[in-house]
C-alpha cells in the first residue's frame, strides 16, 4: 500500500493544536495498520461512505469525538483527503455530488 496526503489534509492538520494533531496522527497510524492487517480498533469508527469512478472508495474515520478524517482508497493507494469536524466533512463531500 502507498499513502498520499493531499495538500488540503496537510493544511487542515497544521491548523489544529498539538493535542489534536497527536490524535490525528494516531488515527492515521491506525488507518494504515488497518489496510496492512485488516484489523481496526473499535474506536476508529472507520466506515465506507461511497464510491466514485476515478476517486475510489471514500471512507471516514474518527480521530476524536469532534474530528473526522476523510480518505479515498483506489487499488493500492490510500489518499488522505481532509480532516475536519462533521460539518466540514459534509461540505467537502458535497463537492463530489
Protein backbone atom coordinates (compact mmCIF):
# COMPACT_ATOMS: atom_id res chain seq x y z
CA UNK A 1 0.00 0.00 0.00
CA UNK A 2 1.10 3.54 -0.68
CA UNK A 3 -0.16 6.51 1.31
CA UNK A 4 -0.60 10.02 -0.02
CA UNK A 5 -1.52 13.16 1.87
CA UNK A 6 -3.38 15.78 -0.13
CA UNK A 7 -2.49 19.45 0.44
CA UNK A 8 -5.92 20.09 1.96
CA UNK A 9 -5.29 17.36 4.57
CA UNK A 10 -1.85 18.72 5.47
CA UNK A 11 -3.13 22.31 5.73
CA UNK A 12 -6.02 21.25 8.00
CA UNK A 13 -3.64 19.12 10.08
CA UNK A 14 -1.35 22.11 10.75
CA UNK A 15 -4.35 24.28 11.69
CA UNK A 16 -5.13 22.15 14.76
CA UNK A 17 -3.47 22.37 18.17
CA UNK A 18 -0.75 19.97 19.37
CA UNK A 19 -3.12 17.60 21.21
CA UNK A 20 -5.45 17.34 18.22
CA UNK A 21 -2.50 16.80 15.84
CA UNK A 22 -1.32 13.97 18.06
CA UNK A 23 -4.77 12.33 17.97
CA UNK A 24 -4.97 12.78 14.19
CA UNK A 25 -1.51 11.21 13.76
CA UNK A 26 -2.55 8.26 15.95
CA UNK A 27 -5.70 7.76 13.85
CA UNK A 28 -3.65 7.90 10.64
CA UNK A 29 -1.34 5.20 12.04
CA UNK A 30 -4.36 3.06 12.94
CA UNK A 31 -5.81 3.53 9.45
CA UNK A 32 -2.52 2.46 7.87
CA UNK A 33 -2.35 -0.55 10.18
CA UNK A 34 -5.90 -1.48 9.17
CA UNK A 35 -5.04 -1.50 5.48
CA UNK A 36 -1.98 -3.63 6.19
CA UNK A 37 -3.61 -6.13 8.58
CA UNK A 38 -7.40 -5.65 8.11
CA UNK A 39 -7.81 -5.26 11.90
CA UNK A 40 -9.18 -1.90 13.07
CA UNK A 41 -9.50 -0.70 16.63
CA UNK A 42 -13.12 -0.28 17.67
CA UNK A 43 -12.75 3.44 18.45
CA UNK A 44 -11.51 4.27 14.96
CA UNK A 45 -15.04 4.15 13.55
CA UNK A 46 -13.85 3.50 10.01
CA UNK A 47 -16.78 3.35 7.60
CA UNK A 48 -17.24 3.45 3.85
CA UNK A 49 -19.30 6.42 2.69
CA UNK A 50 -19.46 5.97 -1.10
CA UNK A 51 -17.51 5.06 -4.23
CA UNK A 52 -16.80 7.25 -7.25
CA UNK A 53 -15.17 6.43 -10.57
CA UNK A 54 -11.69 7.92 -10.65
CA UNK A 55 -11.69 8.55 -6.90
CA UNK A 56 -12.26 5.07 -5.50
CA UNK A 57 -13.94 4.16 -2.23
CA UNK A 58 -14.27 7.07 0.18
CA UNK A 59 -14.06 6.33 3.90
CA UNK A 60 -14.49 8.33 7.08
CA UNK A 61 -12.59 7.63 10.29
CA UNK A 62 -12.81 9.16 13.75
CA UNK A 63 -9.73 10.95 15.10
CA UNK A 64 -11.58 12.38 18.11
CA UNK A 65 -15.23 12.76 19.01
CA UNK A 66 -15.28 16.01 17.04
CA UNK A 67 -12.70 15.37 14.27
CA UNK A 68 -13.09 13.13 11.25
CA UNK A 69 -10.58 12.03 8.63
CA UNK A 70 -11.74 11.54 5.05
CA UNK A 71 -9.73 9.18 2.85
CA UNK A 72 -10.05 7.57 -0.56
CA UNK A 73 -8.85 4.09 -1.43
CA UNK A 74 -8.18 3.09 -5.01
CA UNK A 75 -6.28 -0.08 -5.86
CA UNK A 76 -3.08 0.03 -3.75
CA UNK A 77 -3.24 3.72 -2.84
CA UNK A 78 -4.79 5.38 0.19
CA UNK A 79 -5.18 9.15 -0.17
CA UNK A 80 -5.87 11.19 2.95
CA UNK A 81 -8.19 13.88 1.61
CA UNK A 82 -9.06 16.08 4.57
CA UNK A 83 -9.53 16.32 8.31
CA UNK A 84 -12.19 18.39 10.00
CA UNK A 85 -15.32 18.41 12.06
CA UNK A 86 -18.55 16.75 10.95
CA UNK A 87 -19.86 19.86 9.16
CA UNK A 88 -16.58 20.42 7.27
CA UNK A 89 -16.59 16.80 6.12
CA UNK A 90 -20.20 17.09 4.92
CA UNK A 91 -19.41 20.26 2.95
CA UNK A 92 -16.36 18.60 1.40
CA UNK A 93 -18.37 15.52 0.40
CA UNK A 94 -20.91 17.73 -1.41
CA UNK A 95 -18.16 18.70 -3.86
CA UNK A 96 -18.30 15.12 -5.19
CA UNK A 97 -22.06 15.09 -5.81
